[in-house]
Structures are given as C-alpha cells and as structure tokens.
Amino acid sequence: MAHTNAWSNIVPAGSDNLNTADDQIRRLRLDIQERGDEIVDDWTADPVVPKKLDVSRVIGTPDLAVVYTGAAFAIPTGTVTTIDFVQETLDTGGFHDNSVNPSRLTITTAAYYRIHANLQITFTGAAALCHIRIRKNGADLALGNIAFLGAGVIETISITYIDLAAATDYYEIVIQNPGSGSTWNTLDEADEAYFMIERLVGTI
C-alpha cells in the first residue's frame, strides 16, 4: 500500500508550538500504524496477529536447482555408477551445467543446503538390493537402499540430506547395482529421475 506520508525523522523542538508538536506526533502514529499493518492484520488489535504469507510480497529469488536425467541412464551390473543429469527444470544459483560435469550440483555460496534425489529405475534380472548414495566432493555423505524383488518392474528410490557446504563443494548421486546380472536404466522425465538442492534460510 502507499503510505500517507514519507517517513520523517524530524523530532519536535522545545521551541515548537504545542499544536506543531501534536501534529508531528499524530503523523508519527499514522506512519507507524500504516507500516505495521503491512506485517500484521491490525496494528491496533490486542493481541497483534501476524499476516499470513503473501507470495506476491516475497522479495528475491531462492537459491535452488532441480535437474533431471533427460535420457535413460544405464547402470550396469556389478558397478557403482555416478548419474548424469543433462536437463534443468530450475537453476537460480548457478549450481549446474548440462555439459560440464553434469552429474554435479556445485556450491557457489557457503551455507546450509538440503539435497534430495528421486530416481525411478527400470529393473530387470534377479532380485537385488539397490544402493543410492549422496556424495560430497567424491566421498560418501548419505546412504540408502531398496530391495528390488522382481524383474520387469519400475522401482523408486530416494534420499535426502542436510549439509553445511563451502563454496566449490559439489554433490553427486551414485547408484550401485551389486551384481544383479542385468543392466538397470533410470527413467528420463523431469518428474521421474531428478536431483535437487536448496539453500536453507539463515546464516552460518
């Protein structure tokens, strides 16, 4: 909303007439109420209730990225495979490159981050345990697994972790196919095989 007056830091002087000081105080009260009503439902109410979040009033863009495989990615039997993500849904923080090291989400600003991956995988062959890992700078950071019980099915495996990262740190997703006897393949759509990162609000 537009304010009735621009904010003023003028303080009534001792030599001012009482009516002048009174006008300045009335104006100050109006200024405070108008500005207060932007963050609470009613500045004059008791108790004061904060306004609900209005998305139209959020200032700035969050640092995040959502990337996906964009093509079926093979995971051969008996291997630990780093997954490439060659398409982007969002990247507001310069985390990802589709061509250079497409497996990586790389940090540009030190902070706490939430990392999440969700992969749908076409499974063939004998029953096996599928392992998923979040790696940081090439080292395992978080581990998960799912049992694949039958051939010719699509299984979903996901993993989430929160981590404190420095600039230039990078994260990757690794899938282990521990000798199932067949090659698995990721699906390729944005809602099927994706990797996400989000900078958390706050300071370090």
C-alpha atoms as a PDB file:
ATOM      1  CA  MET A   1       0.000   0.000   0.000  1.00  0.00           C
ATOM      2  CA  ALA A   2       1.030   3.606  -0.497  1.00  0.00           C
ATOM      3  CA  HIS A   3       1.791   5.427   2.733  1.00  0.00           C
ATOM      4  CA  THR A   4       0.098   8.734   3.520  1.00  0.00           C
ATOM      5  CA  ASN A   5       3.457  10.336   4.275  1.00  0.00           C
ATOM      6  CA  ALA A   6       7.088   9.658   3.557  1.00  0.00           C
ATOM      7  CA  TRP A   7       8.917   8.623   6.717  1.00  0.00           C
ATOM      8  CA  SER A   8      10.345  11.568   8.659  1.00  0.00           C
ATOM      9  CA  ASN A   9      12.999  11.614  11.381  1.00  0.00           C
ATOM     10  CA  ILE A  10      12.182  15.175  12.462  1.00  0.00           C
ATOM     11  CA  VAL A  11      11.943  15.478  16.246  1.00  0.00           C
ATOM     12  CA  PRO A  12       9.776  18.253  17.752  1.00  0.00           C
ATOM     13  CA  ALA A  13      11.948  21.061  19.066  1.00  0.00           C
ATOM     14  CA  GLY A  14      11.422  22.529  22.504  1.00  0.00           C
ATOM     15  CA  SER A  15      10.564  25.874  20.943  1.00  0.00           C
ATOM     16  CA  ASP A  16       7.785  24.450  18.731  1.00  0.00           C
ATOM     17  CA  ASN A  17       4.211  25.402  19.439  1.00  0.00           C
ATOM     18  CA  LEU A  18       2.178  22.687  21.144  1.00  0.00           C
ATOM     19  CA  ASN A  19      -0.073  22.322  18.112  1.00  0.00           C
ATOM     20  CA  THR A  20       3.010  21.747  15.891  1.00  0.00           C
ATOM     21  CA  ALA A  21       4.345  19.044  18.197  1.00  0.00           C
ATOM     22  CA  ASP A  22       0.880  17.494  18.409  1.00  0.00           C
ATOM     23  CA  ASP A  23       0.614  17.354  14.605  1.00  0.00           C
ATOM     24  CA  GLN A  24       4.019  15.686  14.368  1.00  0.00           C
ATOM     25  CA  ILE A  25       3.074  13.072  16.972  1.00  0.00           C
ATOM     26  CA  ARG A  26      -0.228  12.341  15.184  1.00  0.00           C
ATOM     27  CA  ARG A  27       1.662  11.939  11.921  1.00  0.00           C
ATOM     28  CA  LEU A  28       4.192   9.614  13.559  1.00  0.00           C
ATOM     29  CA  ARG A  29       1.404   7.430  14.945  1.00  0.00           C
ATOM     30  CA  LEU A  30      -0.184   7.217  11.490  1.00  0.00           C
ATOM     31  CA  ASP A  31       3.165   6.398   9.888  1.00  0.00           C
ATOM     32  CA  ILE A  32       3.819   3.590  12.384  1.00  0.00           C
ATOM     33  CA  GLN A  33       0.318   2.137  12.014  1.00  0.00           C
ATOM     34  CA  GLU A  34       0.419   2.122   8.199  1.00  0.00           C
ATOM     35  CA  ARG A  35       3.768   0.381   8.164  1.00  0.00           C
ATOM     36  CA  GLY A  36       2.785  -2.004  10.947  1.00  0.00           C
ATOM     37  CA  ASP A  37      -0.367  -3.022   9.089  1.00  0.00           C
ATOM     38  CA  GLU A  38       1.865  -4.413   6.333  1.00  0.00           C
ATOM     39  CA  ILE A  39       3.163  -7.146   8.636  1.00  0.00           C
ATOM     40  CA  VAL A  40       0.185  -7.729  10.960  1.00  0.00           C
ATOM     41  CA  ASP A  41      -3.566  -7.976  10.371  1.00  0.00           C
ATOM     42  CA  ASP A  42      -4.400  -4.963  12.540  1.00  0.00           C
ATOM     43  CA  TRP A  43      -1.780  -2.877  14.341  1.00  0.00           C
ATOM     44  CA  THR A  44      -4.403  -1.579  16.786  1.00  0.00           C
ATOM     45  CA  ALA A  45      -5.713  -5.027  17.784  1.00  0.00           C
ATOM     46  CA  ASP A  46      -4.867  -6.806  21.024  1.00  0.00           C
ATOM     47  CA  PRO A  47      -3.240  -9.231  20.546  1.00  0.00           C
ATOM     48  CA  VAL A  48      -1.475  -8.360  17.295  1.00  0.00           C
ATOM     49  CA  VAL A  49      -1.702 -11.217  14.766  1.00  0.00           C
ATOM     50  CA  PRO A  50       0.981 -11.604  12.040  1.00  0.00           C
ATOM     51  CA  LYS A  51      -0.266 -11.628   8.462  1.00  0.00           C
ATOM     52  CA  LYS A  52      -0.257 -14.886   6.553  1.00  0.00           C
ATOM     53  CA  LEU A  53       2.472 -15.193   3.939  1.00  0.00           C
ATOM     54  CA  ASP A  54       1.547 -13.429   0.709  1.00  0.00           C
ATOM     55  CA  VAL A  55       3.628 -14.887  -2.093  1.00  0.00           C
ATOM     56  CA  SER A  56       3.285 -11.653  -4.074  1.00  0.00           C
ATOM     57  CA  ARG A  57       5.198  -9.850  -1.310  1.00  0.00           C
ATOM     58  CA  VAL A  58       8.179 -12.229  -1.136  1.00  0.00           C
ATOM     59  CA  ILE A  59      11.274 -10.361  -2.269  1.00  0.00           C
ATOM     60  CA  GLY A  60      14.165 -12.093  -4.005  1.00  0.00           C
ATOM     61  CA  THR A  61      14.704 -15.490  -5.572  1.00  0.00           C
ATOM     62  CA  PRO A  62      15.727 -18.527  -3.509  1.00  0.00           C
ATOM     63  CA  ASP A  63      18.970 -20.318  -4.379  1.00  0.00           C
ATOM     64  CA  LEU A  64      17.990 -23.745  -5.692  1.00  0.00           C
ATOM     65  CA  ALA A  65      18.289 -26.148  -8.579  1.00  0.00           C
ATOM     66  CA  VAL A  66      16.215 -29.034  -9.918  1.00  0.00           C
ATOM     67  CA  VAL A  67      17.849 -31.150 -12.627  1.00  0.00           C
ATOM     68  CA  TYR A  68      16.896 -34.451 -14.245  1.00  0.00           C
ATOM     69  CA  THR A  69      18.432 -37.201 -16.336  1.00  0.00           C
ATOM     70  CA  GLY A  70      16.790 -36.230 -19.623  1.00  0.00           C
ATOM     71  CA  ALA A  71      17.639 -39.675 -21.047  1.00  0.00           C
ATOM     72  CA  ALA A  72      17.700 -43.279 -19.863  1.00  0.00           C
ATOM     73  CA  PHE A  73      20.940 -43.711 -17.927  1.00  0.00           C
ATOM     74  CA  ALA A  74      22.425 -47.219 -17.796  1.00  0.00           C
ATOM     75  CA  ILE A  75      23.561 -48.768 -14.511  1.00  0.00           C
ATOM     76  CA  PRO A  76      25.477 -51.956 -15.450  1.00  0.00           C
ATOM     77  CA  THR A  77      25.553 -54.975 -13.170  1.00  0.00           C
ATOM     78  CA  GLY A  78      28.347 -55.052 -10.612  1.00  0.00           C
ATOM     79  CA  THR A  79      29.049 -51.314 -10.831  1.00  0.00           C
ATOM     80  CA  VAL A  80      28.827 -48.132  -8.807  1.00  0.00           C
ATOM     81  CA  THR A  81      27.547 -45.556 -11.295  1.00  0.00           C
ATOM     82  CA  THR A  82      27.515 -41.776 -10.959  1.00  0.00           C
ATOM     83  CA  ILE A  83      24.341 -40.450 -12.561  1.00  0.00           C
ATOM     84  CA  ASP A  84      24.471 -37.614 -15.098  1.00  0.00           C
ATOM     85  CA  PHE A  85      21.662 -35.053 -15.147  1.00  0.00           C
ATOM     86  CA  VAL A  86      21.672 -33.310 -18.517  1.00  0.00           C
ATOM     87  CA  GLN A  87      18.474 -31.257 -18.282  1.00  0.00           C
ATOM     88  CA  GLU A  88      17.418 -28.495 -15.903  1.00  0.00           C
ATOM     89  CA  THR A  89      13.984 -27.616 -14.574  1.00  0.00           C
ATOM     90  CA  LEU A  90      15.312 -24.754 -12.413  1.00  0.00           C
ATOM     91  CA  ASP A  91      18.706 -23.352 -11.527  1.00  0.00           C
ATOM     92  CA  THR A  92      18.636 -19.987  -9.794  1.00  0.00           C
ATOM     93  CA  GLY A  93      22.030 -20.267  -8.107  1.00  0.00           C
ATOM     94  CA  GLY A  94      24.410 -21.427 -10.837  1.00  0.00           C
ATOM     95  CA  PHE A  95      24.669 -24.920  -9.339  1.00  0.00           C
ATOM     96  CA  HIS A  96      24.627 -26.970 -12.535  1.00  0.00           C
ATOM     97  CA  ASP A  97      25.957 -27.239 -16.074  1.00  0.00           C
ATOM     98  CA  ASN A  98      24.313 -29.571 -18.583  1.00  0.00           C
ATOM     99  CA  SER A  99      27.596 -30.208 -20.410  1.00  0.00           C
ATOM    100  CA  VAL A 100      30.490 -29.790 -17.958  1.00  0.00           C
ATOM    101  CA  ASN A 101      30.357 -32.271 -15.055  1.00  0.00           C
ATOM    102  CA  PRO A 102      26.590 -32.770 -15.495  1.00  0.00           C
ATOM    103  CA  SER A 103      26.496 -35.143 -12.525  1.00  0.00           C
ATOM    104  CA  ARG A 104      27.349 -32.303 -10.128  1.00  0.00           C
ATOM    105  CA  LEU A 105      25.498 -29.647  -8.184  1.00  0.00           C
ATOM    106  CA  THR A 106      28.267 -27.234  -7.191  1.00  0.00           C
ATOM    107  CA  ILE A 107      28.086 -24.701  -4.366  1.00  0.00           C
ATOM    108  CA  THR A 108      28.861 -21.028  -5.011  1.00  0.00           C
ATOM    109  CA  THR A 109      27.931 -19.635  -1.573  1.00  0.00           C
ATOM    110  CA  ALA A 110      28.792 -21.226   1.776  1.00  0.00           C
ATOM    111  CA  ALA A 111      25.590 -22.129   3.653  1.00  0.00           C
ATOM    112  CA  TYR A 112      23.394 -24.981   4.825  1.00  0.00           C
ATOM    113  CA  TYR A 113      21.735 -26.888   1.982  1.00  0.00           C
ATOM    114  CA  ARG A 114      19.030 -29.518   1.586  1.00  0.00           C
ATOM    115  CA  ILE A 115      19.933 -32.140  -1.026  1.00  0.00           C
ATOM    116  CA  HIS A 116      17.359 -34.567  -2.420  1.00  0.00           C
ATOM    117  CA  ALA A 117      17.222 -37.109  -5.232  1.00  0.00           C
ATOM    118  CA  ASN A 118      14.375 -39.246  -6.541  1.00  0.00           C
ATOM    119  CA  LEU A 119      15.074 -41.855  -9.209  1.00  0.00           C
ATOM    120  CA  GLN A 120      12.702 -44.252 -10.919  1.00  0.00           C
ATOM    121  CA  ILE A 121      14.662 -47.225 -12.228  1.00  0.00           C
ATOM    122  CA  THR A 122      13.644 -49.958 -14.658  1.00  0.00           C
ATOM    123  CA  PHE A 123      14.689 -53.203 -13.031  1.00  0.00           C
ATOM    124  CA  THR A 124      15.369 -56.480 -14.855  1.00  0.00           C
ATOM    125  CA  GLY A 125      17.044 -59.662 -13.707  1.00  0.00           C
ATOM    126  CA  ALA A 126      17.257 -61.415 -10.364  1.00  0.00           C
ATOM    127  CA  ALA A 127      16.199 -59.839  -7.087  1.00  0.00           C
ATOM    128  CA  ALA A 128      18.806 -57.431  -5.755  1.00  0.00           C
ATOM    129  CA  LEU A 129      19.430 -54.651  -3.281  1.00  0.00           C
ATOM    130  CA  CYS A 130      19.814 -51.243  -4.955  1.00  0.00           C
ATOM    131  CA  HIS A 131      22.017 -48.743  -3.129  1.00  0.00           C
ATOM    132  CA  ILE A 132      21.804 -44.950  -3.519  1.00  0.00           C
ATOM    133  CA  ARG A 133      24.382 -42.503  -2.201  1.00  0.00           C
ATOM    134  CA  ILE A 134      24.796 -38.765  -1.970  1.00  0.00           C
ATOM    135  CA  ARG A 135      28.462 -37.966  -2.461  1.00  0.00           C
ATOM    136  CA  LYS A 136      30.198 -34.741  -1.473  1.00  0.00           C
ATOM    137  CA  ASN A 137      33.456 -33.963  -3.260  1.00  0.00           C
ATOM    138  CA  GLY A 138      33.664 -37.627  -4.275  1.00  0.00           C
ATOM    139  CA  ALA A 139      33.151 -39.091  -0.783  1.00  0.00           C
ATOM    140  CA  ASP A 140      30.007 -40.806   0.515  1.00  0.00           C
ATOM    141  CA  LEU A 141      27.833 -38.448   2.575  1.00  0.00           C
ATOM    142  CA  ALA A 142      24.487 -40.272   2.908  1.00  0.00           C
ATOM    143  CA  LEU A 143      23.390 -43.803   2.034  1.00  0.00           C
ATOM    144  CA  GLY A 144      20.094 -45.535   1.297  1.00  0.00           C
ATOM    145  CA  ASN A 145      18.792 -48.697  -0.350  1.00  0.00           C
ATOM    146  CA  ILE A 146      15.726 -50.503  -1.628  1.00  0.00           C
ATOM    147  CA  ALA A 147      15.086 -54.177  -2.351  1.00  0.00           C
ATOM    148  CA  PHE A 148      14.220 -54.956  -5.976  1.00  0.00           C
ATOM    149  CA  LEU A 149      12.141 -58.125  -5.713  1.00  0.00           C
ATOM    150  CA  GLY A 150      11.108 -58.955  -9.256  1.00  0.00           C
ATOM    151  CA  ALA A 151      12.063 -58.470 -12.874  1.00  0.00           C
ATOM    152  CA  GLY A 152      10.375 -56.145 -15.340  1.00  0.00           C
ATOM    153  CA  VAL A 153       9.234 -53.562 -12.813  1.00  0.00           C
ATOM    154  CA  ILE A 154       9.911 -49.883 -12.159  1.00  0.00           C
ATOM    155  CA  GLU A 155      11.080 -49.067  -8.646  1.00  0.00           C
ATOM    156  CA  THR A 156      11.550 -45.656  -6.993  1.00  0.00           C
ATOM    157  CA  ILE A 157      14.461 -44.859  -4.709  1.00  0.00           C
ATOM    158  CA  SER A 158      15.028 -41.514  -2.994  1.00  0.00           C
ATOM    159  CA  ILE A 159      17.356 -39.902  -0.478  1.00  0.00           C
ATOM    160  CA  THR A 160      17.509 -36.568   1.391  1.00  0.00           C
ATOM    161  CA  TYR A 161      20.219 -34.936   3.491  1.00  0.00           C
ATOM    162  CA  ILE A 162      21.030 -31.518   5.006  1.00  0.00           C
ATOM    163  CA  ASP A 163      24.644 -30.399   4.941  1.00  0.00           C
ATOM    164  CA  LEU A 164      26.881 -27.415   5.622  1.00  0.00           C
ATOM    165  CA  ALA A 165      28.789 -26.645   2.438  1.00  0.00           C
ATOM    166  CA  ALA A 166      31.617 -24.331   1.447  1.00  0.00           C
ATOM    167  CA  ALA A 167      31.983 -22.616  -1.911  1.00  0.00           C
ATOM    168  CA  THR A 168      33.219 -25.058  -4.613  1.00  0.00           C
ATOM    169  CA  ASP A 169      31.925 -28.139  -2.741  1.00  0.00           C
ATOM    170  CA  TYR A 170      29.876 -30.363  -5.032  1.00  0.00           C
ATOM    171  CA  TYR A 171      27.300 -33.126  -4.662  1.00  0.00           C
ATOM    172  CA  GLU A 172      26.548 -36.141  -6.851  1.00  0.00           C
ATOM    173  CA  ILE A 173      24.161 -39.090  -6.857  1.00  0.00           C
ATOM    174  CA  VAL A 174      25.546 -42.610  -7.156  1.00  0.00           C
ATOM    175  CA  ILE A 175      23.631 -45.854  -7.743  1.00  0.00           C
ATOM    176  CA  GLN A 176      25.156 -49.258  -7.018  1.00  0.00           C
ATOM    177  CA  ASN A 177      23.968 -52.322  -8.937  1.00  0.00           C
ATOM    178  CA  PRO A 178      25.602 -55.075  -6.859  1.00  0.00           C
ATOM    179  CA  GLY A 179      25.758 -57.944  -9.317  1.00  0.00           C
ATOM    180  CA  SER A 180      22.101 -58.365 -10.238  1.00  0.00           C
ATOM    181  CA  GLY A 181      23.125 -59.928 -13.536  1.00  0.00           C
ATOM    182  CA  SER A 182      21.412 -57.267 -15.633  1.00  0.00           C
ATOM    183  CA  THR A 183      21.704 -53.611 -16.565  1.00  0.00           C
ATOM    184  CA  TRP A 184      19.248 -51.232 -14.939  1.00  0.00           C
ATOM    185  CA  ASN A 185      18.128 -47.951 -16.515  1.00  0.00           C
ATOM    186  CA  THR A 186      16.868 -44.744 -14.990  1.00  0.00           C
ATOM    187  CA  LEU A 187      13.774 -43.139 -16.434  1.00  0.00           C
ATOM    188  CA  ASP A 188      14.269 -39.816 -18.149  1.00  0.00           C
ATOM    189  CA  GLU A 189      11.462 -37.335 -17.425  1.00  0.00           C
ATOM    190  CA  ALA A 190      11.586 -34.336 -15.081  1.00  0.00           C
ATOM    191  CA  ASP A 191       9.131 -35.965 -12.669  1.00  0.00           C
ATOM    192  CA  GLU A 192      10.804 -39.392 -12.745  1.00  0.00           C
ATOM    193  CA  ALA A 193      14.553 -39.023 -12.199  1.00  0.00           C
ATOM    194  CA  TYR A 194      15.593 -35.756 -10.584  1.00  0.00           C
ATOM    195  CA  PHE A 195      18.240 -34.250  -8.295  1.00  0.00           C
ATOM    196  CA  MET A 196      17.571 -31.133  -6.200  1.00  0.00           C
ATOM    197  CA  ILE A 197      19.399 -28.684  -3.968  1.00  0.00           C
ATOM    198  CA  GLU A 198      18.039 -25.797  -1.900  1.00  0.00           C
ATOM    199  CA  ARG A 199      19.897 -23.238   0.165  1.00  0.00           C
ATOM    200  CA  LEU A 200      18.317 -23.016   3.616  1.00  0.00           C
ATOM    201  CA  VAL A 201      17.338 -19.685   5.119  1.00  0.00           C
ATOM    202  CA  GLY A 202      19.747 -18.347   7.730  1.00  0.00           C
ATOM    203  CA  THR A 203      23.433 -17.665   8.170  1.00  0.00           C
ATOM    204  CA  ILE A 204      26.397 -19.839   9.064  1.00  0.00           C
END
